[in-house]
Protein backbone atom coordinates (compact mmCIF):
# COMPACT_ATOMS: atom_id res chain seq x y z
CA MET A 1 65.54 109.53 84.04
CA LEU A 2 65.62 106.40 86.14
CA PHE A 3 66.32 106.55 89.85
CA PHE A 4 66.94 103.68 92.25
CA PHE A 5 65.49 104.40 95.68
CA LYS A 6 65.50 102.74 99.07
CA ALA A 7 63.06 104.05 101.66
CA ARG A 8 62.19 103.18 105.23
CA ILE A 9 58.75 103.81 106.68
CA ASP A 10 58.86 105.36 110.14
CA PRO A 11 55.32 105.26 111.57
CA LYS A 12 56.32 107.81 114.29
CA ASP A 13 53.21 108.58 116.31
CA MET A 14 50.76 106.39 114.36
CA SER A 15 49.01 103.49 116.00
CA PHE A 16 49.45 100.06 114.42
CA ASP A 17 45.97 100.29 112.85
CA GLU A 18 46.61 103.81 111.53
CA MET A 19 49.85 102.61 109.96
CA TRP A 20 48.02 99.87 108.04
CA VAL A 21 45.36 102.31 106.80
CA GLU A 22 48.04 104.72 105.54
CA TRP A 23 50.13 101.92 104.05
CA GLU A 24 47.08 100.71 102.12
CA LYS A 25 46.79 104.20 100.59
CA GLU A 26 50.47 104.00 99.69
CA VAL A 27 49.96 100.57 98.08
CA ASN A 28 47.14 101.96 95.95
CA ALA A 29 49.25 104.95 94.86
CA ALA A 30 52.22 102.70 94.07
CA LEU A 31 50.13 100.31 91.99
CA GLU A 32 48.70 103.26 90.02
CA ALA A 33 52.23 104.61 89.45
CA MET A 34 53.32 101.16 88.24
CA GLU A 35 50.40 101.00 85.80
CA ALA A 36 51.33 104.50 84.55
CA GLY A 37 54.97 103.44 84.06
CA LYS A 38 56.36 105.86 86.64
CA ILE A 39 57.53 103.06 88.94
CA THR A 40 59.25 100.42 86.83
CA ALA A 41 60.20 98.10 89.70
CA LEU A 42 59.13 97.98 93.33
CA TYR A 43 59.87 95.54 96.14
CA LYS A 44 59.06 95.30 99.82
CA VAL A 45 62.05 94.17 101.87
CA ALA A 46 60.94 91.07 103.78
CA GLY A 47 60.77 91.47 107.54
CA GLN A 48 61.36 95.24 107.45
CA ARG A 49 59.40 98.44 106.89
CA ARG A 50 61.46 99.17 103.78
CA VAL A 51 60.81 99.34 100.06
CA ILE A 52 63.22 99.53 97.14
CA GLY A 53 62.44 100.38 93.57
CA ILE A 54 63.10 102.22 90.34
CA PHE A 55 61.24 105.47 89.63
CA ASP A 56 61.10 107.02 86.17
CA ALA A 57 61.10 110.80 86.62
CA ALA A 58 60.97 113.34 83.81
CA SER A 59 63.14 115.68 85.89
CA HIS A 60 64.77 116.13 89.25
CA ASP A 61 61.92 118.48 90.11
CA GLU A 62 59.34 115.75 89.51
CA LEU A 63 61.30 113.34 91.69
CA ASP A 64 61.45 115.91 94.48
CA ARG A 65 57.74 116.76 94.25
CA VAL A 66 56.62 113.13 94.28
CA PHE A 67 58.98 111.88 96.99
CA MET A 68 58.68 114.90 99.28
CA ALA A 69 54.96 115.54 99.16
CA GLY A 70 53.13 113.49 96.54
CA LEU A 71 52.94 110.16 98.35
CA PRO A 72 50.39 109.19 101.03
CA LEU A 73 53.24 108.24 103.40
CA ALA A 74 55.54 111.11 102.31
CA HIS A 75 55.86 112.48 105.85
CA TYR A 76 56.67 109.02 107.20
CA LEU A 77 59.26 108.01 104.58
CA GLU A 78 62.98 108.27 105.12
CA PHE A 79 64.76 107.92 101.80
CA GLU A 80 67.98 106.14 102.67
CA GLU A 81 69.31 106.21 99.12
CA ILE A 82 68.36 107.74 95.77
CA CYS A 83 70.72 107.15 92.82
CA PRO A 84 70.40 107.92 89.12
CA VAL A 85 70.72 104.70 87.14
CA ARG A 86 70.77 103.71 83.50
CA GLU A 87 69.70 100.58 81.72
CA TYR A 88 72.51 98.09 81.37
CA LYS A 89 71.87 97.48 77.66
CA SER A 90 72.64 101.13 76.95
CA PHE A 91 75.78 100.95 79.06
CA GLY A 92 76.80 97.74 77.28
CA LYS A 93 76.44 99.45 73.91
CA ASP A 94 78.73 102.26 75.09
CA VAL A 95 81.29 99.70 76.23
CA LYS A 96 81.17 97.84 72.93
CA ASP A 97 81.43 101.14 71.02
CA ARG A 98 84.27 102.21 73.31
CA TRP A 99 82.32 105.38 74.24
CA LYS A 100 82.37 106.71 70.66
């Protein structure tokens, strides 16, 4: 199942240097997840401490486990939006088939 997400990083009580160290861990985890196909798209919003992306979860439970505790910055992330999405080609086929 594909999920669009938008998250904001709130460094709370971290120093600027601590934030960069933790964010580097997050970058490494994200790149590994991209290589494994779990994150299919990921972008950093320019000029903000925000990221947006598409996560491929096998279940809602997996999504919850990863986003709530499985990320290096999990306790500093505020997920502003998480939406289930589907690939447009599949939707287009349904439209052309008139949902048959």
